[in-house]
Each structure stands twice: as structure tokens, then as C-alpha cells.
Protein backbone atom coordinates (compact mmCIF):
# COMPACT_ATOMS: atom_id res chain seq x y z
CA MET A 1 42.78 44.98 50.01
CA ARG A 2 41.48 42.64 52.80
CA LEU A 3 38.05 42.68 51.35
CA PHE A 4 39.06 42.05 47.86
CA ALA A 5 41.23 39.13 48.95
CA ARG A 6 38.07 37.49 50.75
CA PHE A 7 36.01 38.13 47.50
CA LEU A 8 38.40 36.13 45.67
CA LEU A 9 38.55 33.27 48.12
CA LEU A 10 34.47 33.25 48.30
CA PHE A 11 34.61 33.08 44.30
CA PHE A 12 37.01 30.36 44.52
CA LEU A 13 35.10 28.26 46.76
CA GLY A 14 32.13 28.93 44.92
CA SER A 15 33.61 27.78 41.78
CA LEU A 16 35.23 24.69 42.97
CA PRO A 17 31.92 22.26 42.52
CA LEU A 18 32.16 23.46 38.86
CA LEU A 19 35.81 22.42 38.46
CA ILE A 20 35.11 19.20 39.94
CA TRP A 21 31.67 18.09 38.51
CA GLY A 22 32.38 19.66 35.18
CA GLN A 23 30.16 21.98 33.07
CA ARG A 24 26.64 22.83 34.37
CA ALA A 25 23.58 23.17 32.18
CA GLN A 26 21.43 26.15 32.33
CA TRP A 27 18.70 26.54 29.55
CA ASP A 28 14.87 27.02 29.02
CA PHE A 29 13.70 25.95 25.49
CA LYS A 30 10.10 26.89 24.82
CA GLY A 31 9.18 25.69 21.19
CA GLU A 32 12.63 26.71 19.34
CA THR A 33 13.48 24.85 16.39
CA LEU A 34 16.05 21.78 16.69
CA LYS A 35 18.26 23.62 14.51
CA GLU A 36 18.29 26.50 16.62
CA VAL A 37 18.77 24.53 19.86
CA LEU A 38 21.97 22.77 18.41
CA VAL A 39 23.48 25.91 17.29
CA GLU A 40 22.86 27.42 20.73
CA LEU A 41 24.38 24.42 22.38
CA GLU A 42 27.39 24.27 20.22
CA GLN A 43 28.12 27.93 20.90
CA SER A 44 27.31 28.08 24.49
CA TYR A 45 29.08 24.58 25.63
CA GLY A 46 31.45 23.94 22.94
CA LEU A 47 29.52 20.64 21.88
CA ARG A 48 29.78 19.07 18.33
CA PHE A 49 26.93 17.38 16.58
CA ALA A 50 26.70 15.52 13.21
CA TYR A 51 23.61 14.03 11.46
CA GLY A 52 22.63 12.79 8.06
CA GLN A 53 20.34 14.93 5.95
CA GLY A 54 16.82 13.28 5.65
CA ARG A 55 17.56 11.46 9.08
CA LEU A 56 16.82 14.48 11.37
CA THR A 57 13.78 17.07 11.40
CA LEU A 58 15.65 20.39 12.08
CA ALA A 59 12.30 22.21 12.10
CA LYS A 60 11.04 19.94 15.15
CA ALA A 61 10.13 22.06 18.14
CA ILE A 62 12.08 21.53 21.43
CA PHE A 63 10.55 21.92 24.81
CA HIS A 64 13.00 21.42 27.59
CA ARG A 65 14.32 23.14 30.81
CA ALA A 66 17.63 22.55 32.63
CA ASN A 67 18.42 24.29 36.03
CA ASN A 68 22.05 23.88 36.83
CA LEU A 69 22.36 20.11 36.00
CA PRO A 70 25.42 18.39 34.68
CA LEU A 71 25.49 19.02 31.02
CA ASP A 72 25.85 15.51 29.89
CA THR A 73 22.53 14.39 32.06
CA ALA A 74 20.77 17.44 30.92
CA LEU A 75 21.51 16.71 27.13
CA VAL A 76 20.64 13.28 27.47
CA ASP A 77 17.22 14.16 29.38
CA LEU A 78 16.73 16.80 26.37
CA LEU A 79 17.46 14.28 23.68
CA GLY A 80 15.31 11.36 25.14
CA LYS A 81 12.21 13.70 25.79
CA ASN A 82 12.19 14.69 21.94
CA ASN A 83 12.63 11.20 20.64
CA LEU A 84 16.31 11.46 19.27
CA ALA A 85 18.75 8.76 19.35
CA TYR A 86 22.30 9.48 19.97
CA GLN A 87 25.88 8.07 20.04
CA LYS A 88 28.57 10.11 22.07
CA MET A 89 32.20 10.10 21.34
CA GLY A 90 33.79 12.74 23.65
CA GLN A 91 32.29 16.17 22.80
CA LEU A 92 30.81 14.82 19.67
CA TRP A 93 27.25 13.65 19.43
CA ALA A 94 25.77 11.81 16.71
CA LEU A 95 21.97 12.38 16.13
CA LYS A 96 19.11 10.75 14.19
CA ASP A 97 15.33 10.52 14.84
CA SER A 98 14.55 7.38 16.78
CA THR A 99 11.17 6.94 15.28
CA PRO A 100 11.99 5.28 12.00
CA LYS A 101 13.64 2.01 12.54
CA GLU A 102 15.90 1.62 9.64
CA GLN A 103 19.67 1.16 9.20
CA TRP A 104 21.62 3.92 7.96
CA SER A 105 25.70 4.23 7.88
CA LEU A 106 28.30 6.65 8.35
CA ALA A 107 31.48 6.83 6.30
CA ALA A 108 34.39 8.96 5.39
CA PRO A 109 34.99 9.26 1.90
CA LEU A 110 35.86 5.65 0.80
CA LEU A 111 39.43 4.99 -0.45
CA ALA A 112 39.52 7.22 -3.36
CA PRO A 113 36.86 9.96 -3.18
CA LYS A 114 36.22 12.46 -5.96
CA GLN A 115 37.25 16.19 -5.33
CA GLN A 116 34.14 16.67 -3.26
CA PRO A 117 34.17 19.64 -0.72
CA LEU A 118 34.66 18.71 2.90
CA ALA A 119 32.56 21.50 4.29
CA PRO A 120 29.51 19.97 6.15
CA GLN A 121 26.19 19.85 4.44
CA SER A 122 24.55 20.68 7.89
CA PRO A 123 24.17 24.62 8.37
CA LEU A 124 25.21 24.36 11.82
CA ALA A 125 28.23 26.72 12.75
CA TYR A 126 31.71 25.04 13.46
CA SER A 127 34.13 26.36 15.72
CA ARG A 128 37.14 24.97 14.17
CA PRO A 129 38.47 23.94 10.71
CA LEU A 130 37.76 20.72 8.78
CA PRO A 131 40.95 18.48 8.41
CA PRO A 132 42.14 18.39 4.89
CA GLU A 133 41.02 15.92 1.99
CA VAL A 134 41.89 12.38 2.75
CA ARG A 135 44.40 11.32 0.24
CA LEU A 136 44.76 8.12 -1.59
CA SER A 137 47.55 6.90 0.51
CA SER A 138 45.13 6.66 3.33
CA VAL A 139 42.61 4.14 3.84
CA VAL A 140 39.55 4.59 6.14
CA LEU A 141 37.29 1.96 7.51
CA PRO A 142 34.17 3.80 8.17
CA PRO A 143 32.09 3.29 11.28
CA LEU A 144 28.66 1.90 10.83
CA TYR A 145 25.81 3.46 12.73
CA SER A 146 22.67 1.23 13.08
CA GLU A 147 19.71 1.50 15.55
CA GLY A 148 21.67 3.87 17.84
CA LEU A 149 24.95 1.75 17.89
CA LEU A 150 28.09 3.04 16.67
CA ILE A 151 30.86 0.37 15.60
CA SER A 152 34.54 1.66 14.93
CA LEU A 153 37.90 0.52 14.77
CA ASP A 154 40.61 2.73 16.34
CA ALA A 155 44.26 2.09 15.49
CA GLN A 156 47.37 4.00 15.29
CA PRO A 157 48.56 5.38 11.79
CA GLN A 158 51.09 3.10 10.08
CA ALA A 159 53.48 4.59 7.55
CA GLN A 160 54.92 1.27 5.89
CA GLY A 161 53.38 0.74 2.64
CA ILE A 162 50.11 1.69 3.21
CA LEU A 163 48.80 4.58 5.59
CA VAL A 164 45.80 3.14 7.60
CA ASP A 165 44.41 5.73 10.05
CA TRP A 166 41.33 4.47 11.42
CA GLY A 167 41.64 6.63 14.66
CA ALA A 168 41.29 9.97 13.59
CA LEU A 169 39.50 10.32 10.15
CA TRP A 170 36.40 8.60 11.00
CA LYS A 171 35.68 11.13 13.88
CA GLU A 172 36.41 13.85 11.56
CA ALA A 173 34.02 12.12 9.01
CA LEU A 174 31.18 12.03 11.57
CA GLU A 175 31.51 15.70 12.22
CA ARG A 176 30.97 16.32 8.39
CA GLN A 177 27.93 14.23 7.30
CA PHE A 178 26.49 10.83 7.09
CA LEU A 179 27.01 9.06 3.73
CA GLU A 180 23.95 9.08 1.89
CA GLU A 181 25.20 7.36 -0.96
CA LEU A 182 26.05 4.02 0.34
CA SER A 183 24.11 1.00 -0.91
CA ILE A 184 23.91 -2.14 1.30
CA PHE A 185 22.97 -4.65 -1.11
CA GLN A 186 22.07 -4.42 -5.10
CA LEU A 187 21.29 -6.90 -7.73
CA SER A 188 21.70 -5.99 -11.15
CA PHE A 189 21.06 -7.92 -14.70
CA PHE A 190 23.35 -7.09 -17.54
CA GLY A 191 24.33 -3.63 -16.45
CA THR A 192 23.80 -1.31 -13.69
CA PRO A 193 21.08 1.53 -13.55
CA GLU A 194 22.76 4.92 -13.68
CA GLU A 195 21.00 6.06 -10.25
CA GLU A 196 22.73 2.97 -8.85
CA ALA A 197 25.94 3.07 -10.55
CA VAL A 198 27.03 6.26 -8.73
CA LYS A 199 26.66 4.80 -5.10
CA ALA A 200 29.18 3.17 -3.04
CA GLN A 201 28.53 -0.56 -2.60
CA VAL A 202 29.00 -2.98 0.23
CA LEU A 203 27.54 -6.10 -1.37
CA ALA A 204 26.85 -6.29 -5.11
CA LEU A 205 25.66 -9.16 -7.14
CA ASP A 206 25.87 -8.98 -11.01
CA ILE A 207 24.29 -11.40 -13.51
CA GLY A 208 26.10 -10.39 -16.59
CA TRP A 209 28.20 -7.28 -15.80
CA GLY A 210 27.99 -4.51 -13.37
CA ARG A 211 29.49 -1.07 -12.50
CA ARG A 212 29.95 0.75 -9.18
CA ARG A 213 31.29 4.23 -8.20
CA GLN A 214 33.17 2.72 -5.06
CA LEU A 215 33.25 -0.74 -3.48
CA LEU A 216 33.47 -1.37 0.24
CA GLY A 217 32.74 -5.03 0.77
CA LEU A 218 31.96 -7.54 -1.95
CA GLN A 219 31.22 -7.69 -5.56
CA LEU A 220 30.30 -11.00 -7.30
CA SER A 221 29.66 -11.20 -11.24
CA LEU A 222 28.95 -13.84 -13.61
CA GLY A 223 30.52 -11.72 -16.40
CA ALA A 224 32.75 -8.49 -15.78
CA SER A 225 32.82 -6.14 -12.98
CA ARG A 226 34.19 -2.52 -12.86
CA VAL A 227 34.65 0.07 -10.10
CA ASP A 228 35.26 3.66 -11.35
CA GLU A 229 36.99 4.88 -8.42
CA SER A 230 38.45 2.58 -5.76
CA ALA A 231 37.76 -0.42 -3.98
CA MET A 232 38.40 -1.76 -0.51
CA GLY A 233 37.31 -5.38 -0.40
CA PHE A 234 36.88 -8.41 -2.88
CA GLN A 235 35.97 -8.53 -6.53
CA PHE A 236 35.11 -12.06 -7.97
CA ALA A 237 34.28 -12.45 -11.66
CA LEU A 238 33.99 -14.99 -14.14
CA LEU A 239 35.56 -12.98 -16.95
CA ALA A 240 37.18 -9.76 -15.89
CA ASN A 241 37.73 -7.18 -13.05
CA GLN A 242 38.54 -3.55 -13.36
CA VAL A 243 39.19 -0.94 -10.60
CA LYS A 244 40.24 2.43 -12.06
CA GLY A 245 41.56 3.70 -8.76
CA GLU A 246 43.22 2.09 -5.61
CA LEU A 247 42.31 -1.57 -4.66
CA MET A 248 43.10 -2.80 -1.16
CA GLY A 249 41.83 -6.33 -1.42
CA LEU A 250 41.45 -9.08 -3.82
CA GLN A 251 40.61 -9.66 -7.36
CA LEU A 252 39.82 -12.92 -8.64
CA ALA A 253 38.98 -13.51 -12.16
CA GLY A 254 38.92 -16.11 -14.94
CA LEU A 255 40.49 -14.20 -17.56
CA TYR A 256 41.49 -10.42 -16.40
CA ASN A 257 42.42 -8.29 -13.67
CA GLN A 258 43.13 -4.59 -13.79
CA THR A 259 43.69 -1.76 -11.25
CA ALA A 260 45.70 1.46 -10.96
CA ARG A 261 47.11 0.70 -7.50
CA LEU A 262 47.11 -2.55 -5.71
CA TYR A 263 47.75 -3.25 -2.11
CA GLY A 264 46.73 -6.68 -2.13
CA SER A 265 46.45 -9.64 -4.56
CA GLN A 266 45.24 -10.42 -7.93
CA LEU A 267 44.34 -14.03 -9.23
CA SER A 268 43.50 -14.92 -12.62
CA LEU A 269 43.80 -17.88 -15.28
CA GLY A 270 44.85 -15.19 -17.96
CA LEU A 271 46.40 -11.75 -17.16
CA ASN A 272 47.11 -9.51 -14.20
CA ARG A 273 47.82 -5.61 -14.67
CA VAL A 274 48.75 -2.90 -12.54
CA ASP A 275 48.86 0.69 -14.10
CA SER A 276 50.82 2.29 -11.21
CA SER A 277 52.25 1.23 -7.85
CA LEU A 278 52.19 -2.31 -6.60
CA SER A 279 52.43 -3.51 -2.91
CA GLY A 280 51.15 -7.36 -3.08
CA SER A 281 51.18 -10.22 -5.15
CA GLN A 282 49.87 -11.34 -8.53
CA PHE A 283 48.90 -14.73 -9.58
CA SER A 284 48.22 -16.02 -13.19
CA LEU A 285 48.67 -18.87 -15.62
CA LEU A 286 49.64 -16.47 -18.63
CA GLY A 287 51.48 -13.31 -17.23
CA ASN A 288 51.59 -10.35 -14.73
CA LEU A 289 52.09 -6.73 -15.55
CA ALA A 290 52.93 -4.07 -13.27
CA LEU A 291 53.25 -1.12 -15.68
CA GLY A 292 54.03 1.80 -13.17
CA GLN A 293 57.44 3.50 -12.45
CA GLY A 294 56.49 4.20 -8.75
CA TYR A 295 56.43 2.32 -5.54
CA ALA A 296 56.55 -1.52 -5.23
CA ALA A 297 57.21 -3.29 -2.11
CA ASN A 298 56.73 -6.67 -0.91
CA SER A 299 55.61 -7.63 -4.44
CA LEU A 300 55.31 -11.30 -5.79
CA GLN A 301 54.69 -12.12 -9.28
CA LEU A 302 53.70 -15.76 -10.21
CA ALA A 303 52.95 -16.61 -13.81
CA GLY A 304 53.05 -19.73 -16.13
CA LEU A 305 54.65 -17.69 -18.83
CA PHE A 306 56.11 -14.39 -18.06
CA ASN A 307 56.25 -11.28 -15.28
CA TYR A 308 57.03 -7.97 -16.33
CA SER A 309 57.38 -4.96 -14.06
CA ARG A 310 58.70 -1.43 -14.68
CA SER A 311 59.00 -0.86 -10.96
CA ASN A 312 61.21 -2.53 -8.38
CA ALA A 313 60.12 -6.18 -7.58
CA HIS A 314 60.97 -8.68 -4.74
CA VAL A 315 59.89 -12.35 -6.10
CA GLN A 316 59.28 -12.95 -9.78
CA LEU A 317 58.49 -16.75 -10.79
CA GLY A 318 57.91 -17.11 -14.28
CA GLY A 319 57.76 -20.18 -16.61
CA TYR A 320 59.81 -18.38 -19.37
CA TYR A 321 60.23 -14.86 -18.65
CA ASN A 322 60.94 -12.47 -15.83
CA ARG A 323 61.76 -8.53 -16.24
CA ALA A 324 62.12 -6.06 -13.37
CA PRO A 325 64.22 -2.74 -13.15
CA LYS A 326 65.55 -3.67 -9.70
CA LEU A 327 65.34 -6.97 -7.81
CA GLN A 328 65.77 -7.25 -4.42
CA GLY A 329 64.80 -11.13 -4.03
CA CYS A 330 64.50 -13.97 -6.51
CA GLN A 331 63.74 -14.25 -10.18
CA LEU A 332 63.01 -17.84 -11.17
CA SER A 333 62.14 -19.03 -14.83
CA LEU A 334 63.04 -21.80 -17.20
CA GLY A 335 64.04 -19.03 -19.66
CA LEU A 336 65.10 -15.59 -19.24
CA ASN A 337 65.62 -13.47 -16.13
CA ASP A 338 66.23 -9.92 -16.89
CA THR A 339 66.92 -6.78 -14.52
CA ASP A 340 68.98 -3.85 -14.30
CA SER A 341 70.14 -4.32 -10.65
CA LEU A 342 70.13 -7.47 -8.71
CA GLN A 343 70.31 -7.90 -4.78
CA GLY A 344 69.34 -11.46 -4.47
CA LEU A 345 69.17 -14.41 -6.64
CA GLN A 346 68.42 -15.32 -10.59
CA LEU A 347 67.67 -18.99 -11.25
CA GLY A 348 67.12 -19.60 -15.12
CA SER A 349 68.67 -20.87 -18.20
CA ILE A 350 69.56 -17.20 -19.30
CA ASN A 351 70.32 -14.58 -16.57
CA TYR A 352 71.22 -10.89 -17.27
CA THR A 353 71.59 -8.29 -14.48
CA GLY A 354 73.34 -4.78 -14.96
CA HIS A 355 74.63 -4.37 -11.48
CA LEU A 356 75.08 -7.47 -9.50
CA LYS A 357 74.99 -7.84 -5.80
CA GLY A 358 73.78 -11.27 -5.42
CA CYS A 359 74.09 -14.72 -7.27
CA GLN A 360 73.17 -15.68 -10.80
CA LEU A 361 72.71 -19.65 -11.50
CA GLY A 362 72.00 -20.73 -14.98
CA LEU A 363 73.45 -21.95 -18.15
CA LEU A 364 74.49 -18.52 -19.25
CA ASN A 365 74.89 -15.64 -16.88
CA ILE A 366 75.75 -12.07 -18.04
CA CYS A 367 76.56 -9.10 -16.07
CA ASP A 368 77.51 -5.49 -17.00
CA THR A 369 79.44 -4.94 -13.50
CA ALA A 370 79.81 -7.38 -10.74
CA ALA A 371 80.20 -5.34 -7.43
CA ALA A 372 79.73 -7.99 -4.63
CA GLY A 373 77.95 -10.84 -6.35
CA LEU A 374 78.63 -14.03 -8.39
CA GLY A 375 77.67 -15.99 -11.35
CA ILE A 376 77.60 -19.56 -11.44
CA GLY A 377 77.00 -21.41 -14.79
CA LEU A 378 78.62 -23.01 -17.78
CA LEU A 379 79.31 -19.87 -19.20
CA ASN A 380 79.60 -16.23 -17.09
CA ILE A 381 80.24 -13.18 -18.79
CA TYR A 382 81.28 -9.88 -17.05
CA LYS A 383 81.47 -6.60 -19.23
CA LYS A 384 83.47 -5.16 -16.09
CA GLY A 385 85.45 -6.67 -13.49
CA GLY A 386 85.57 -10.19 -14.76
CA TYR A 387 88.41 -12.53 -15.62
CA ASN A 388 88.33 -13.28 -19.34
CA ARG A 389 91.45 -14.87 -20.77
CA ILE A 390 92.81 -17.05 -23.51
CA SER A 391 95.77 -19.46 -22.79
CA LEU A 392 98.64 -21.42 -24.50
CA GLY A 393 100.51 -24.02 -22.61
CA SER A 394 102.09 -27.32 -22.20
CA SER A 395 102.46 -30.02 -19.78
CA ALA A 396 103.68 -33.50 -19.43
CA ALA A 397 100.18 -35.19 -20.10
CA LEU A 398 99.51 -32.77 -22.98
CA HIS A 399 102.23 -31.25 -25.21
CA ALA A 400 99.86 -28.53 -26.65
CA GLN A 401 96.97 -26.71 -24.73
CA GLN A 402 94.50 -24.10 -25.80
CA SER A 403 92.19 -22.88 -23.21
CA LEU A 404 89.52 -20.19 -22.59
CA GLN A 405 88.80 -18.71 -19.23
CA ILE A 406 85.91 -16.65 -18.73
CA GLY A 407 83.77 -15.51 -15.47
CA HIS A 408 84.72 -13.57 -12.34
CA PRO A 409 88.12 -13.73 -10.33
CA ARG A 410 86.52 -15.44 -7.55
CA PHE A 411 84.75 -18.11 -9.95
CA TYR A 412 85.59 -18.68 -13.57
CA THR A 413 84.83 -21.75 -16.08
CA ILE A 414 87.59 -23.32 -18.29
CA TYR A 415 87.18 -24.77 -21.70
CA GLU A 416 90.18 -26.41 -22.88
CA MET A 417 91.43 -28.58 -25.85
CA GLY A 418 94.93 -30.46 -25.63
CA GLN A 419 96.85 -32.69 -27.96
CA ARG A 420 99.84 -35.16 -28.03
CA LEU A 421 102.23 -34.35 -30.69
CA ASP A 422 103.61 -38.08 -30.85
CA GLN A 423 100.37 -39.63 -31.14
CA PRO A 424 96.76 -38.83 -32.45
CA ILE A 425 95.32 -38.32 -29.17
CA TRP A 426 92.76 -35.37 -28.29
CA LEU A 427 91.51 -34.21 -25.11
CA LEU A 428 88.38 -31.95 -24.78
CA GLY A 429 88.03 -30.35 -21.15
CA PHE A 430 85.78 -28.45 -18.88
CA GLY A 431 86.82 -26.98 -15.81
CA LEU A 432 86.45 -24.57 -12.82
CA GLY A 433 88.87 -22.01 -11.18
CA CYS A 434 89.63 -19.06 -9.21
CA ARG A 435 92.12 -16.39 -8.76
CA LEU A 436 93.65 -15.84 -5.44
CA PRO A 437 95.82 -12.81 -4.69
CA MET A 438 99.13 -13.37 -2.90
CA GLU A 439 102.03 -11.05 -2.72
CA LYS A 440 102.10 -7.90 -4.86
CA ASP A 441 101.65 -8.79 -8.50
CA TYR A 442 101.43 -12.57 -7.86
CA TYR A 443 98.48 -14.74 -7.93
CA LEU A 444 97.29 -18.36 -7.17
CA HIS A 445 95.07 -20.18 -9.70
CA PRO A 446 93.69 -23.52 -8.45
CA GLU A 447 91.87 -25.24 -11.03
CA LEU A 448 90.12 -28.51 -11.46
CA LEU A 449 89.46 -29.97 -15.20
CA ALA A 450 87.79 -33.16 -16.53
CA TYR A 451 88.83 -34.23 -20.11
CA SER A 452 87.27 -36.79 -22.42
CA LEU A 453 90.18 -38.67 -24.14
CA GLN A 454 89.70 -39.31 -27.89
CA GLU A 455 91.97 -40.99 -30.41
CA GLY A 456 92.30 -40.90 -34.12
CA PRO A 457 92.07 -38.10 -36.59
CA ASP A 458 88.11 -37.89 -36.61
CA TRP A 459 88.09 -37.79 -32.63
CA THR A 460 85.67 -40.70 -32.66
CA ASN A 461 87.40 -43.54 -30.93
CA GLY A 462 86.99 -42.76 -27.20
CA ARG A 463 89.86 -43.90 -24.95
CA GLY A 464 88.96 -42.80 -21.44
CA HIS A 465 88.81 -39.96 -19.36
CA LEU A 466 91.45 -37.58 -17.47
CA PHE A 467 90.78 -35.54 -14.41
CA GLN A 468 93.36 -32.91 -13.52
CA LEU A 469 93.79 -30.83 -10.44
CA ARG A 470 96.53 -27.99 -10.85
CA ALA A 471 97.99 -24.97 -8.87
CA LEU A 472 99.44 -22.27 -10.83
CA PHE A 473 101.17 -19.34 -9.84
CA ALA A 474 100.82 -16.20 -12.09
CA HIS A 475 102.79 -13.14 -12.63
CA PRO A 476 101.76 -10.14 -14.78
CA LEU A 477 104.02 -9.52 -17.91
CA GLY A 478 102.36 -6.25 -19.13
CA ALA A 479 100.27 -5.63 -21.92
CA GLY A 480 97.53 -7.79 -20.90
CA LEU A 481 99.79 -10.92 -20.55
CA GLU A 482 100.64 -12.97 -17.58
CA LEU A 483 102.98 -16.10 -16.99
CA LEU A 484 101.64 -19.22 -15.25
CA THR A 485 103.57 -22.20 -13.99
CA GLY A 486 102.77 -24.71 -11.26
CA PRO A 487 102.35 -28.53 -10.53
CA GLU A 488 99.49 -30.50 -11.52
CA LEU A 489 98.07 -33.88 -10.41
CA ASN A 490 96.26 -35.99 -13.04
CA PHE A 491 94.07 -39.29 -12.59
CA ILE A 492 93.38 -41.10 -15.95
CA HIS A 493 91.12 -44.03 -16.87
CA GLN A 494 92.29 -45.29 -20.24
CA ASN A 495 92.38 -48.03 -22.69
CA VAL A 496 95.49 -50.25 -22.36
CA GLU A 497 96.44 -49.31 -25.88
CA ALA A 498 96.86 -45.65 -24.99
CA SER A 499 98.41 -46.23 -21.42
CA GLN A 500 101.86 -45.58 -22.67
CA ALA A 501 100.92 -42.29 -24.27
CA LEU A 502 99.99 -40.40 -21.04
CA GLY A 503 101.46 -40.58 -17.37
CA GLN A 504 105.20 -40.88 -17.24
CA GLN A 505 105.56 -39.83 -13.40
CA LEU A 506 103.56 -42.59 -12.08
CA LEU A 507 102.51 -42.38 -8.28
CA TRP A 508 99.72 -45.37 -8.59
CA GLU A 509 98.37 -47.53 -11.17
CA ARG A 510 95.99 -50.35 -11.51
CA SER A 511 94.64 -52.51 -14.28
CA ARG A 512 91.22 -54.12 -14.92
CA GLY A 513 91.01 -56.15 -18.20
CA ASP A 514 91.66 -53.74 -21.10
CA TRP A 515 91.47 -50.61 -19.12
CA GLU A 516 93.89 -49.13 -16.74
CA GLN A 517 93.77 -46.50 -14.08
CA ARG A 518 96.86 -44.46 -13.50
CA LEU A 519 97.89 -41.41 -10.78
CA PHE A 520 100.56 -39.47 -11.94
CA TRP A 521 102.05 -35.79 -11.61
CA GLY A 522 103.65 -33.29 -13.92
CA TRP A 523 104.45 -29.53 -14.59
CA GLN A 524 102.69 -27.23 -16.38
CA LEU A 525 103.59 -23.88 -18.21
CA ALA A 526 101.33 -21.42 -19.82
CA VAL A 527 100.78 -17.75 -21.20
CA ARG A 528 97.47 -16.12 -20.76
CA TYR A 529 96.17 -12.92 -22.39
CA LYS A 530 93.26 -10.68 -21.23
CA LEU A 531 90.37 -10.24 -23.76
CA TRP A 532 88.73 -7.21 -22.17
């Protein structure tokens, strides 16, 4: 037992340098092929190698010896003596022949790859499974490998709107292969050759029109441009741009822009169209279309004529028409704003929403259900939860009054007509009011109205103006009826000929030539009936 304990102690002391200094290299290659050497190093030392086909001669004979050297030191010496350039990232080594001085690029499948297998094209054995295929919701910025220099961006994944994972995916892509179908620059005249159209493009200039499989950079066209899969970058065309997949960037065209999914901006003088989800902005002189039923966040649509979205929107600014199922922001137009659910602001001549949690400002506001919002306009119509009444009443100033109150209990508009029975005097008025709950079944109605005073059977002889402030107390009578009564304060600016007709309980008066001003009070009694 004592002998065994001494053996364990000696073994631990002998292994201590290895634990401190890391792995040690021990090999002697005498003409083995590069492929055989890389396979042995991967299996023996847990290293990982990546290279592009055509960039490395796997049949090259390797001669090198390492006798108990640090692994990294021995490997650097092996690569340097056999004319191999490298870039080290942890246990991963990117290799290429250092003799040809040409640029070449490494990339993960760009944005929206085809359903290509993720297994490496290298015949080297891999000790762990490859990651799952990159989905469209992930955007990868590939590192660029040029003259032995690996340039990369590393960031934490973000899951708000667009998932960008530049930290892990480029490493896995490096383990798979180098991208052979990446073209740095291309110039085309009225069409793109088929062998070039299948490549991913960094910089493209089209005289006429051009087509690319994928875009990672900039595409300029004097006519029209098209990307068959996805794009991350910028498209500029005098006529039209089209991306059939996902766009993360900017489209600028004279007439038309189209993409399936947008994470960026579209600008055109004609029409912008997104077939699926939108997270960005659209600007056009004519109109913007977002036809997808899916995700839409932080979206802005600005158009000279109209904006139309089948998914939720945040801001829509259109000349005459805006439409979105759910709005959590603002709709602004000179014509019609239309949304099924509003949590923000509608500002236009005519506003419509199904479920209101915000504010409507316009000449005509229509709402199906007012949950926690308000419409402010000349006419506010609520199908549910509104205050919609017709009224018959009488007061000291007017012997007969007929009025319509329509809107919300918190804010309604009043359209009223009044007559004097002893003289041919008519008053046409418009006012504002609200309904305030008091004790059980009692309400207070503060109301402010402005009347135009007309005289004569044809209502053509203007006699002045009447302004009225009243506080009416209401009590329901049942069957949709309610009784209202309360004081009123009147200020009239009228012709002297009509001065005796109105204002018997004077508080103040003043005369100026043929016109007279009076302040008087009175009492009003009315009955109102609920319309719906």
C-alpha cells in the first residue's frame, strides 16, 4: 500500500507540468498527406480545422517532427514550414495555402439560404454534431478572411424584433466551409449571366437590370434589380427593386419596391410593398402596402395618398387614407383613417375604429365600442357605450327647444334649434356637454352653446348671437326617458329692434348704436329620450 501511494505521488508530480503548460505535441510526419495529418491532429489533440475547397492542397506531403513541444508552438511551426497560412480562434484553425495572394471570403449562409445541407464538404472527421440550419429570423454577418486576416464582429443575441447572432454562428460557419459563391464585384449589361446570378453579391452595378441570388452589400441599377432569396444591404434602382425573401437594409427606387419581409426602409416615388412581416418604415409619394398577416413592430408608413396594412401598425401618415387592423400609435390623414382597434391617436376628416383606447380628432368620428378613449369632433358616433339623445324643452329665452345630443358621456356635441312663440325669432345652436354622475340615478350636465339669432319667416334677417351656459340636473324616468332641469346664464349680442324679445331677468346690459348686449339668467326644463 505504501509503494502504491508513492507511485501515485510520483505520477502526479510528473503530470504537473502538463497540467500547467497545457497539451504537449509528439509526432513525426514523414511524407504523409496533409489530409492524413489534419485527421490525425483532430483525433489525437481535439483540434478543429476549416478550409475552402480549392484553397488547400490536401495531397501535399508533410514533413515535420515535434518532440514534447507545446501544442500551439509545434502546430505553428508545422504550418509555417509547409507554406500554410492560418488564423486561430480557440481550438479552431482556419487554413489556406499562403502561396497564392488572392482574397477569399468565409461566410455563413447569408440571411435566407437555400435548403442546403450543413454537413461539411471537407472529408475530415468531426467529433461533434453541427448546429441546426440558420433560420430566416437570424441574420449573420460573415467574417471576411483576406491575406491571413480574419475580421469578425461578436455580439450577444438580441431577441427584440430581429435576432442577430454574430457571436456563435460565424464560428460554426467557419467549421463548415468557406463560401465559394461570393462575388465581390460584378458589372452587368441588360441582364445577368446565369453562372453569375447564382452567386451572392457584395457589390453589383447593373446597366439596365440585374438579378442575384443573395445580396450582402450594395446593388446599383439604372433600371431594375432583383434578389431571388434575401438581402442584407442596399438596393438602388431608377425603376424598381425586388427581394423575394428577407430584406435587412434599404430599398430606394423611382417607382416600385417589393420584399417578402422587411427589416429596414423602403423609399420610392410610386409604391412600396411588403408581402409578409414589416419592422421598419415605408416612404412613398403614392402609397404603401403591408399585405402580411404576421408580425409588424416599430413600423412607420408615410405616403402622399394612402397607407394600407393587414398587420398591426404604429404610425401611418397618409394624404387621404390609412388602414390597419390594430394601431398603437398615430393615424394622420386629410381623408379617412380606419382601424379595428386604436390605442393612440386618429387625426383626419373621418375616423373609424372598432375598439377605442385613445383619441379621435376629426369632423366625423365613428367607434363601435369606447373602452377608455374619446372622440372629439363635430359629430361623434358610438355604437356601444355612447350618449345619444333627442330632447324637447323650454326656457326663459326660448319657448320651444329641439336638440340632438350625440357622442360619449364624457364629451358629446349638441345640435339645437329654438323658437320664440310670440315673435318670428329663430335660434340655431351648436354646443358641447358632458354627463357627470352624482348620487344614485342623478347626473349633472354642464353644457355650453352658441346660437345664431335669426328673424323672419325665411330666417334670413340676422339679428345677433346668443351664448348660453347651463347646468342641468338629470333623473331617469324609465323606458329611455330622463327629466332635466336647471339654471342657465345667457349673454346676447342683438339688434335693438329685437332686444325686448329676449332677456327679461337682466343682470347687466350695454347699448352701442343699433346693437345691444345683455347678460341675463333663466331656468330650463327638458325631457330627453335615448336613441340607442
